[in-house]
C-alpha atoms as a PDB file:
ATOM      1  CA  MET A   1     -28.774   3.747  10.476  1.00  0.00           C
ATOM      2  CA  ASN A   2     -31.797   1.856  11.657  1.00  0.00           C
ATOM      3  CA  SER A   3     -31.732  -1.482  13.386  1.00  0.00           C
ATOM      4  CA  ARG A   4     -33.921  -4.438  14.007  1.00  0.00           C
ATOM      5  CA  PHE A   5     -33.446  -7.279  16.422  1.00  0.00           C
ATOM      6  CA  SER A   6     -34.845 -10.620  15.352  1.00  0.00           C
ATOM      7  CA  PRO A   7     -35.623 -12.786  18.386  1.00  0.00           C
ATOM      8  CA  GLU A   8     -36.512 -15.786  16.245  1.00  0.00           C
ATOM      9  CA  PRO A   9     -34.172 -18.753  16.947  1.00  0.00           C
ATOM     10  CA  PRO A  10     -32.290 -19.946  13.893  1.00  0.00           C
ATOM     11  CA  SER A  11     -33.367 -23.299  12.495  1.00  0.00           C
ATOM     12  CA  SER A  12     -30.363 -23.873  10.245  1.00  0.00           C
ATOM     13  CA  ARG A  13     -28.828 -27.312  10.390  1.00  0.00           C
ATOM     14  CA  ALA A  14     -26.224 -27.725  13.117  1.00  0.00           C
ATOM     15  CA  LEU A  15     -23.184 -25.647  12.315  1.00  0.00           C
ATOM     16  CA  GLY A  16     -19.838 -27.348  12.438  1.00  0.00           C
ATOM     17  CA  SER A  17     -21.406 -30.800  12.316  1.00  0.00           C
ATOM     18  CA  SER A  18     -20.416 -33.355   9.722  1.00  0.00           C
ATOM     19  CA  PRO A  19     -22.371 -32.625   6.543  1.00  0.00           C
ATOM     20  CA  PRO A  20     -24.051 -35.269   4.396  1.00  0.00           C
ATOM     21  CA  ASN A  21     -21.965 -36.645   1.551  1.00  0.00           C
ATOM     22  CA  GLY A  22     -21.324 -34.086  -1.150  1.00  0.00           C
ATOM     23  CA  GLN A  23     -22.239 -31.070   0.985  1.00  0.00           C
ATOM     24  CA  THR A  24     -19.944 -28.353   2.226  1.00  0.00           C
ATOM     25  CA  LYS A  25     -19.126 -28.174   5.915  1.00  0.00           C
ATOM     26  CA  PHE A  26     -20.171 -24.742   7.155  1.00  0.00           C
ATOM     27  CA  ASN A  27     -19.225 -23.051  10.421  1.00  0.00           C
ATOM     28  CA  THR A  28     -20.577 -20.747  13.128  1.00  0.00           C
ATOM     29  CA  TRP A  29     -20.107 -17.724  10.871  1.00  0.00           C
ATOM     30  CA  VAL A  30     -21.386 -19.060   7.559  1.00  0.00           C
ATOM     31  CA  THR A  31     -24.703 -20.885   7.825  1.00  0.00           C
ATOM     32  CA  CYS A  32     -26.771 -22.720   5.239  1.00  0.00           C
ATOM     33  CA  PRO A  33     -30.458 -23.235   6.139  1.00  0.00           C
ATOM     34  CA  SER A  34     -31.217 -24.956   2.806  1.00  0.00           C
ATOM     35  CA  PRO A  35     -28.066 -26.776   1.602  1.00  0.00           C
ATOM     36  CA  ASN A  36     -27.873 -27.036  -2.166  1.00  0.00           C
ATOM     37  CA  PRO A  37     -24.560 -28.616  -3.238  1.00  0.00           C
ATOM     38  CA  ALA A  38     -25.633 -28.596  -6.896  1.00  0.00           C
ATOM     39  CA  ALA A  39     -26.004 -24.800  -6.923  1.00  0.00           C
ATOM     40  CA  GLN A  40     -23.864 -22.849  -9.350  1.00  0.00           C
ATOM     41  CA  LEU A  41     -23.195 -19.943  -6.983  1.00  0.00           C
ATOM     42  CA  ARG A  42     -23.499 -18.883  -3.347  1.00  0.00           C
ATOM     43  CA  LEU A  43     -25.178 -15.788  -1.958  1.00  0.00           C
ATOM     44  CA  PHE A  44     -23.668 -14.667   1.359  1.00  0.00           C
ATOM     45  CA  CYS A  45     -26.135 -12.449   3.270  1.00  0.00           C
ATOM     46  CA  LEU A  46     -25.077  -9.910   5.898  1.00  0.00           C
ATOM     47  CA  PRO A  47     -27.643  -8.568   8.399  1.00  0.00           C
ATOM     48  CA  PHE A  48     -28.669  -5.112   9.566  1.00  0.00           C
ATOM     49  CA  ALA A  49     -27.743  -3.717  12.999  1.00  0.00           C
ATOM     50  CA  GLY A  50     -29.062  -5.993  15.724  1.00  0.00           C
ATOM     51  CA  GLY A  51     -30.161  -8.632  13.205  1.00  0.00           C
ATOM     52  CA  GLY A  52     -29.261 -12.286  12.906  1.00  0.00           C
ATOM     53  CA  ALA A  53     -29.005 -14.902  10.210  1.00  0.00           C
ATOM     54  CA  SER A  54     -32.588 -16.078  10.720  1.00  0.00           C
ATOM     55  CA  ILE A  55     -33.979 -13.154   8.702  1.00  0.00           C
ATOM     56  CA  PHE A  56     -32.496 -14.790   5.584  1.00  0.00           C
ATOM     57  CA  GLN A  57     -33.577 -18.332   6.460  1.00  0.00           C
ATOM     58  CA  PRO A  58     -36.515 -18.493   3.972  1.00  0.00           C
ATOM     59  CA  TRP A  59     -34.477 -17.085   1.074  1.00  0.00           C
ATOM     60  CA  GLY A  60     -32.936 -20.404   0.094  1.00  0.00           C
ATOM     61  CA  ARG A  61     -36.374 -21.827  -0.665  1.00  0.00           C
ATOM     62  CA  ALA A  62     -37.509 -18.691  -2.513  1.00  0.00           C
ATOM     63  CA  LEU A  63     -34.552 -18.130  -4.835  1.00  0.00           C
ATOM     64  CA  PRO A  64     -33.791 -20.269  -7.914  1.00  0.00           C
ATOM     65  CA  LYS A  65     -32.096 -23.625  -7.415  1.00  0.00           C
ATOM     66  CA  VAL A  66     -28.905 -22.327  -9.008  1.00  0.00           C
ATOM     67  CA  VAL A  67     -28.359 -20.243  -5.837  1.00  0.00           C
ATOM     68  CA  GLU A  68     -27.259 -21.538  -2.433  1.00  0.00           C
ATOM     69  CA  VAL A  69     -28.114 -18.968   0.247  1.00  0.00           C
ATOM     70  CA  CYS A  70     -25.533 -18.654   3.036  1.00  0.00           C
ATOM     71  CA  PRO A  71     -26.572 -16.195   5.764  1.00  0.00           C
ATOM     72  CA  VAL A  72     -23.731 -14.875   7.902  1.00  0.00           C
ATOM     73  CA  GLN A  73     -24.230 -15.154  11.657  1.00  0.00           C
ATOM     74  CA  LEU A  74     -22.321 -12.440  13.502  1.00  0.00           C
ATOM     75  CA  PRO A  75     -21.176 -12.922  17.116  1.00  0.00           C
ATOM     76  CA  GLY A  76     -23.536 -11.858  19.886  1.00  0.00           C
ATOM     77  CA  ARG A  77     -26.895 -12.885  18.410  1.00  0.00           C
ATOM     78  CA  GLU A  78     -29.170 -15.913  18.173  1.00  0.00           C
ATOM     79  CA  ASN A  79     -27.096 -19.114  18.485  1.00  0.00           C
ATOM     80  CA  ARG A  80     -23.963 -16.983  19.120  1.00  0.00           C
ATOM     81  CA  LEU A  81     -25.604 -14.971  21.897  1.00  0.00           C
ATOM     82  CA  ARG A  82     -22.878 -15.735  24.443  1.00  0.00           C
ATOM     83  CA  GLU A  83     -20.124 -14.309  22.220  1.00  0.00           C
ATOM     84  CA  GLN A  84     -18.900 -10.731  22.334  1.00  0.00           C
ATOM     85  CA  PRO A  85     -20.204  -8.619  19.418  1.00  0.00           C
ATOM     86  CA  HIS A  86     -17.670  -6.623  17.424  1.00  0.00           C
ATOM     87  CA  THR A  87     -17.477  -2.833  17.611  1.00  0.00           C
ATOM     88  CA  ASP A  88     -14.807  -2.245  14.946  1.00  0.00           C
ATOM     89  CA  ILE A  89     -15.693  -2.879  11.311  1.00  0.00           C
ATOM     90  CA  HIS A  90     -12.136  -3.561  10.153  1.00  0.00           C
ATOM     91  CA  THR A  91     -11.564  -6.254  12.778  1.00  0.00           C
ATOM     92  CA  LEU A  92     -14.925  -7.779  11.946  1.00  0.00           C
ATOM     93  CA  VAL A  93     -14.370  -7.957   8.182  1.00  0.00           C
ATOM     94  CA  GLU A  94     -10.922  -9.490   8.701  1.00  0.00           C
ATOM     95  CA  HIS A  95     -12.620 -12.308  10.630  1.00  0.00           C
ATOM     96  CA  LEU A  96     -15.345 -12.535   7.990  1.00  0.00           C
ATOM     97  CA  ALA A  97     -12.828 -12.821   5.178  1.00  0.00           C
ATOM     98  CA  ARG A  98     -11.140 -15.780   6.863  1.00  0.00           C
ATOM     99  CA  GLN A  99     -14.459 -17.518   7.477  1.00  0.00           C
ATOM    100  CA  ILE A 100     -15.880 -16.968   3.998  1.00  0.00           C
ATOM    101  CA  LEU A 101     -12.759 -17.841   1.996  1.00  0.00           C
ATOM    102  CA  PRO A 102     -13.187 -21.644   2.316  1.00  0.00           C
ATOM    103  CA  HIS A 103     -16.685 -21.247   0.818  1.00  0.00           C
ATOM    104  CA  ALA A 104     -15.704 -18.783  -1.904  1.00  0.00           C
ATOM    105  CA  GLN A 105     -14.119 -21.320  -4.242  1.00  0.00           C
ATOM    106  CA  LYS A 106     -17.494 -21.486  -5.957  1.00  0.00           C
ATOM    107  CA  PRO A 107     -18.722 -18.276  -7.668  1.00  0.00           C
ATOM    108  CA  PHE A 108     -20.464 -16.067  -5.113  1.00  0.00           C
ATOM    109  CA  ALA A 109     -22.278 -12.790  -4.502  1.00  0.00           C
ATOM    110  CA  LEU A 110     -22.694 -10.666  -1.365  1.00  0.00           C
ATOM    111  CA  PHE A 111     -25.940  -9.122  -0.115  1.00  0.00           C
ATOM    112  CA  GLY A 112     -26.019  -6.676   2.785  1.00  0.00           C
ATOM    113  CA  HIS A 113     -28.890  -4.649   4.205  1.00  0.00           C
ATOM    114  CA  SER A 114     -28.268  -1.423   6.164  1.00  0.00           C
ATOM    115  CA  MET A 115     -25.213  -2.175   8.351  1.00  0.00           C
ATOM    116  CA  GLY A 116     -24.813  -5.359   6.327  1.00  0.00           C
ATOM    117  CA  ALA A 117     -24.284  -3.306   3.151  1.00  0.00           C
ATOM    118  CA  LEU A 118     -21.374  -1.498   4.766  1.00  0.00           C
ATOM    119  CA  LEU A 119     -19.932  -4.835   5.902  1.00  0.00           C
ATOM    120  CA  ALA A 120     -20.332  -6.318   2.414  1.00  0.00           C
ATOM    121  CA  PHE A 121     -18.509  -3.363   0.860  1.00  0.00           C
ATOM    122  CA  GLU A 122     -15.590  -3.445   3.305  1.00  0.00           C
ATOM    123  CA  LEU A 123     -15.433  -7.247   3.142  1.00  0.00           C
ATOM    124  CA  THR A 124     -15.061  -7.044  -0.639  1.00  0.00           C
ATOM    125  CA  ARG A 125     -12.249  -4.499  -0.298  1.00  0.00           C
ATOM    126  CA  THR A 126     -10.553  -6.748   2.280  1.00  0.00           C
ATOM    127  CA  LEU A 127     -10.750  -9.751  -0.058  1.00  0.00           C
ATOM    128  CA  ARG A 128      -9.232  -7.648  -2.823  1.00  0.00           C
ATOM    129  CA  ARG A 129      -6.319  -6.544  -0.634  1.00  0.00           C
ATOM    130  CA  GLN A 130      -5.684 -10.207   0.146  1.00  0.00           C
ATOM    131  CA  ASN A 131      -5.805 -11.137  -3.554  1.00  0.00           C
ATOM    132  CA  GLY A 132      -8.812 -13.291  -2.748  1.00  0.00           C
ATOM    133  CA  PRO A 133     -11.754 -14.172  -4.997  1.00  0.00           C
ATOM    134  CA  MET A 134     -14.164 -11.339  -5.797  1.00  0.00           C
ATOM    135  CA  PRO A 135     -17.961 -11.484  -5.833  1.00  0.00           C
ATOM    136  CA  LEU A 136     -19.801 -11.672  -9.131  1.00  0.00           C
ATOM    137  CA  PHE A 137     -22.252  -9.087  -7.779  1.00  0.00           C
ATOM    138  CA  LEU A 138     -22.441  -6.837  -4.744  1.00  0.00           C
ATOM    139  CA  PHE A 139     -25.988  -6.155  -3.509  1.00  0.00           C
ATOM    140  CA  LEU A 140     -26.013  -3.013  -1.340  1.00  0.00           C
ATOM    141  CA  SER A 141     -29.343  -2.326   0.307  1.00  0.00           C
ATOM    142  CA  ALA A 142     -30.646   0.545   2.489  1.00  0.00           C
ATOM    143  CA  HIS A 143     -27.312   2.174   3.324  1.00  0.00           C
ATOM    144  CA  ARG A 144     -25.784   5.429   2.162  1.00  0.00           C
ATOM    145  CA  ALA A 145     -22.619   5.193   0.072  1.00  0.00           C
ATOM    146  CA  ALA A 146     -19.562   4.697   2.264  1.00  0.00           C
ATOM    147  CA  HIS A 147     -18.017   8.089   1.445  1.00  0.00           C
ATOM    148  CA  LEU A 148     -21.093  10.041   2.550  1.00  0.00           C
ATOM    149  CA  PRO A 149     -21.168  11.421   6.119  1.00  0.00           C
ATOM    150  CA  LEU A 150     -23.504  10.177   8.837  1.00  0.00           C
ATOM    151  CA  ARG A 151     -26.588  12.410   8.884  1.00  0.00           C
ATOM    152  CA  ARG A 152     -27.852  11.575  12.356  1.00  0.00           C
ATOM    153  CA  GLN A 153     -26.133  12.137  15.696  1.00  0.00           C
ATOM    154  CA  PRO A 154     -24.102   9.171  17.042  1.00  0.00           C
ATOM    155  CA  LEU A 155     -26.222   7.001  19.303  1.00  0.00           C
ATOM    156  CA  HIS A 156     -23.844   4.434  20.766  1.00  0.00           C
ATOM    157  CA  GLY A 157     -22.712   6.552  23.729  1.00  0.00           C
ATOM    158  CA  LEU A 158     -26.146   7.525  25.006  1.00  0.00           C
ATOM    159  CA  PRO A 159     -27.224   6.282  28.467  1.00  0.00           C
ATOM    160  CA  ASP A 160     -29.584   3.310  28.320  1.00  0.00           C
ATOM    161  CA  PRO A 161     -32.878   5.252  28.639  1.00  0.00           C
ATOM    162  CA  GLU A 162     -31.922   7.709  25.880  1.00  0.00           C
ATOM    163  CA  PHE A 163     -30.420   4.970  23.712  1.00  0.00           C
ATOM    164  CA  ILE A 164     -33.565   2.841  24.017  1.00  0.00           C
ATOM    165  CA  GLN A 165     -35.731   5.837  23.182  1.00  0.00           C
ATOM    166  CA  ALA A 166     -33.617   6.685  20.120  1.00  0.00           C
ATOM    167  CA  VAL A 167     -33.586   3.098  18.810  1.00  0.00           C
ATOM    168  CA  ARG A 168     -37.321   2.784  19.401  1.00  0.00           C
ATOM    169  CA  ARG A 169     -37.934   6.036  17.535  1.00  0.00           C
ATOM    170  CA  LEU A 170     -36.042   4.665  14.522  1.00  0.00           C
ATOM    171  CA  GLY A 171     -38.862   2.164  14.216  1.00  0.00           C
ATOM    172  CA  GLY A 172     -37.007  -1.016  13.343  1.00  0.00           C
ATOM    173  CA  THR A 173     -37.109  -2.933  16.622  1.00  0.00           C
ATOM    174  CA  PRO A 174     -40.371  -4.687  17.565  1.00  0.00           C
ATOM    175  CA  ASP A 175     -42.198  -3.108  20.499  1.00  0.00           C
ATOM    176  CA  GLY A 176     -42.229  -6.482  22.230  1.00  0.00           C
ATOM    177  CA  VAL A 177     -38.458  -6.278  22.700  1.00  0.00           C
ATOM    178  CA  PHE A 178     -38.769  -3.058  24.721  1.00  0.00           C
ATOM    179  CA  GLU A 179     -41.631  -4.428  26.785  1.00  0.00           C
ATOM    180  CA  HIS A 180     -39.803  -7.610  27.793  1.00  0.00           C
ATOM    181  CA  LYS A 181     -37.042  -6.824  30.296  1.00  0.00           C
ATOM    182  CA  ALA A 182     -35.120 -10.076  29.855  1.00  0.00           C
ATOM    183  CA  LEU A 183     -35.208  -9.820  26.056  1.00  0.00           C
ATOM    184  CA  LEU A 184     -34.230  -6.161  26.172  1.00  0.00           C
ATOM    185  CA  ALA A 185     -31.253  -6.999  28.406  1.00  0.00           C
ATOM    186  CA  LEU A 186     -30.067  -9.517  25.801  1.00  0.00           C
ATOM    187  CA  THR A 187     -30.700  -7.168  22.902  1.00  0.00           C
ATOM    188  CA  LEU A 188     -29.117  -3.956  24.148  1.00  0.00           C
ATOM    189  CA  PRO A 189     -25.445  -5.072  24.061  1.00  0.00           C
ATOM    190  CA  VAL A 190     -25.762  -6.187  20.428  1.00  0.00           C
ATOM    191  CA  LEU A 191     -27.572  -3.033  19.359  1.00  0.00           C
ATOM    192  CA  ARG A 192     -25.078  -0.804  21.164  1.00  0.00           C
ATOM    193  CA  ALA A 193     -22.122  -2.694  19.670  1.00  0.00           C
ATOM    194  CA  ASP A 194     -23.553  -2.455  16.157  1.00  0.00           C
ATOM    195  CA  PHE A 195     -24.272   1.256  16.504  1.00  0.00           C
ATOM    196  CA  THR A 196     -20.738   1.740  17.851  1.00  0.00           C
ATOM    197  CA  LEU A 197     -19.383   0.006  14.751  1.00  0.00           C
ATOM    198  CA  CYS A 198     -21.496   2.169  12.448  1.00  0.00           C
ATOM    199  CA  ASP A 199     -20.960   5.459  14.310  1.00  0.00           C
ATOM    200  CA  HIS A 200     -17.178   4.996  14.340  1.00  0.00           C
ATOM    201  CA  TYR A 201     -16.883   4.011  10.692  1.00  0.00           C
ATOM    202  CA  ARG A 202     -14.561   6.261   8.694  1.00  0.00           C
ATOM    203  CA  PHE A 203     -14.255   5.818   4.964  1.00  0.00           C
ATOM    204  CA  VAL A 204     -10.730   5.377   3.578  1.00  0.00           C
ATOM    205  CA  PRO A 205     -10.484   5.990  -0.186  1.00  0.00           C
ATOM    206  CA  GLU A 206      -9.329   3.086  -2.356  1.00  0.00           C
ATOM    207  CA  ALA A 207      -9.605   2.236  -6.030  1.00  0.00           C
ATOM    208  CA  PRO A 208     -13.160   1.397  -7.168  1.00  0.00           C
ATOM    209  CA  LEU A 209     -14.204  -2.230  -7.128  1.00  0.00           C
ATOM    210  CA  ASN A 210     -14.320  -4.268 -10.296  1.00  0.00           C
ATOM    211  CA  CYS A 211     -17.741  -5.865  -9.820  1.00  0.00           C
ATOM    212  CA  PRO A 212     -21.285  -4.742 -10.648  1.00  0.00           C
ATOM    213  CA  LEU A 213     -23.347  -3.101  -7.909  1.00  0.00           C
ATOM    214  CA  LEU A 214     -27.062  -3.774  -7.461  1.00  0.00           C
ATOM    215  CA  LEU A 215     -28.427  -0.961  -5.288  1.00  0.00           C
ATOM    216  CA  TYR A 216     -31.720  -1.193  -3.411  1.00  0.00           C
ATOM    217  CA  ALA A 217     -33.533   1.600  -1.584  1.00  0.00           C
ATOM    218  CA  GLY A 218     -36.899   2.186   0.087  1.00  0.00           C
ATOM    219  CA  ARG A 219     -38.974   5.052  -1.279  1.00  0.00           C
ATOM    220  CA  TYR A 220     -40.159   5.998   2.219  1.00  0.00           C
ATOM    221  CA  ASP A 221     -36.921   5.262   4.081  1.00  0.00           C
ATOM    222  CA  THR A 222     -36.341   8.112   6.541  1.00  0.00           C
ATOM    223  CA  GLU A 223     -32.797   6.937   7.361  1.00  0.00           C
ATOM    224  CA  VAL A 224     -31.278   6.913   3.880  1.00  0.00           C
ATOM    225  CA  SER A 225     -32.549   8.400   0.627  1.00  0.00           C
ATOM    226  CA  PRO A 226     -32.483   6.685  -2.775  1.00  0.00           C
ATOM    227  CA  GLN A 227     -29.964   9.335  -3.868  1.00  0.00           C
ATOM    228  CA  GLU A 228     -27.631   8.365  -1.024  1.00  0.00           C
ATOM    229  CA  VAL A 229     -27.904   4.710  -2.029  1.00  0.00           C
ATOM    230  CA  GLU A 230     -27.337   5.523  -5.690  1.00  0.00           C
ATOM    231  CA  ALA A 231     -24.094   7.298  -4.717  1.00  0.00           C
ATOM    232  CA  TRP A 232     -22.497   3.839  -4.299  1.00  0.00           C
ATOM    233  CA  SER A 233     -22.067   3.906  -8.081  1.00  0.00           C
ATOM    234  CA  LYS A 234     -18.777   5.795  -7.755  1.00  0.00           C
ATOM    235  CA  HIS A 235     -17.263   2.744  -6.035  1.00  0.00           C
ATOM    236  CA  THR A 236     -17.212   0.455  -9.070  1.00  0.00           C
ATOM    237  CA  THR A 237     -15.651   0.421 -12.508  1.00  0.00           C
ATOM    238  CA  GLN A 238     -18.516  -1.815 -13.644  1.00  0.00           C
ATOM    239  CA  THR A 239     -22.222  -1.139 -13.972  1.00  0.00           C
ATOM    240  CA  SER A 240     -24.478  -0.116 -11.104  1.00  0.00           C
ATOM    241  CA  ARG A 241     -28.243  -0.125 -11.010  1.00  0.00           C
ATOM    242  CA  LEU A 242     -30.629   1.391  -8.466  1.00  0.00           C
ATOM    243  CA  GLN A 243     -34.016  -0.157  -7.747  1.00  0.00           C
ATOM    244  CA  ILE A 244     -36.481   1.576  -5.445  1.00  0.00           C
ATOM    245  CA  PHE A 245     -39.038  -0.389  -3.430  1.00  0.00           C
ATOM    246  CA  PRO A 246     -42.236   1.110  -2.038  1.00  0.00           C
ATOM    247  CA  GLY A 247     -41.439   0.416   1.636  1.00  0.00           C
ATOM    248  CA  GLY A 248     -39.364   2.113   4.295  1.00  0.00           C
ATOM    249  CA  HIS A 249     -35.981   1.175   5.740  1.00  0.00           C
ATOM    250  CA  PHE A 250     -37.026  -2.443   6.232  1.00  0.00           C
ATOM    251  CA  PHE A 251     -38.413  -3.115   2.798  1.00  0.00           C
ATOM    252  CA  LEU A 252     -36.557  -6.434   2.936  1.00  0.00           C
ATOM    253  CA  ARG A 253     -39.481  -7.478   5.165  1.00  0.00           C
ATOM    254  CA  SER A 254     -42.393  -5.474   3.768  1.00  0.00           C
ATOM    255  CA  ASP A 255     -41.402  -5.997   0.114  1.00  0.00           C
ATOM    256  CA  ARG A 256     -39.568  -9.284   0.475  1.00  0.00           C
ATOM    257  CA  ASP A 257     -41.111 -10.993  -2.535  1.00  0.00           C
ATOM    258  CA  SER A 258     -40.277  -8.079  -4.850  1.00  0.00           C
ATOM    259  CA  LEU A 259     -36.760  -7.900  -3.442  1.00  0.00           C
ATOM    260  CA  LEU A 260     -36.181 -11.613  -3.971  1.00  0.00           C
ATOM    261  CA  ARG A 261     -37.462 -11.376  -7.539  1.00  0.00           C
ATOM    262  CA  ALA A 262     -34.948  -8.582  -8.186  1.00  0.00           C
ATOM    263  CA  ILE A 263     -32.104 -10.625  -6.698  1.00  0.00           C
ATOM    264  CA  ALA A 264     -33.142 -13.723  -8.645  1.00  0.00           C
ATOM    265  CA  SER A 265     -33.260 -11.754 -11.868  1.00  0.00           C
ATOM    266  CA  ALA A 266     -29.733 -10.425 -11.326  1.00  0.00           C
ATOM    267  CA  LEU A 267     -28.272 -13.809 -10.386  1.00  0.00           C
ATOM    268  CA  THR A 268     -29.855 -15.817 -13.183  1.00  0.00           C
END
């Protein structure tokens, strides 16, 4: 799985502060850069390895007004830099379920890219086990289906020089991060934690989900093939649809406008 660290500081409104009248009070986990209390549904967005909520910040202005975009900010990055990142997916999704539930009384969908897709899938299964509300749609982007084995060698246990070289070779992290010692020192713990989470993931069979899957893949993605993304289809009793974008693993950046049009079309 590839990764990308986004050093941009989040500019969401203050989390945990008192919201204006009629708006929902969000928290450190669930952010809302462009509050839209009149929206008919919420889109919770889960980031790739090393990423933060800021990557999804412009989405609220780009998607139709019926959608309120709620990026999830995981511990250890951006405004939560001082917090310990999680290394176990099941512990993480249990926390996520508790944080999202207060905001899931309105119809919602989940979007996850790369590591975020795996989190979105396991979060949905956790909500189901808790008899919680289920997403209208599950958007799974740039990650192999959960039952498929990891194709690359685990990276999380490599010494720093080898780990840095491997992450840099994957091509997702900006060169400036590796050339700035202070930034690299802040980035490495998050990247290593996220790769630990992904490398240690073991799929446990459960009944298929009862929600449609929208599957997105990059035609030139060297980390996961469109066929591996399409294999998610076995995890739903509803419809699934694969859409292939012309970019690589990070087509959510290179093909952002096309991706947002696809999401908007599905949600409206």
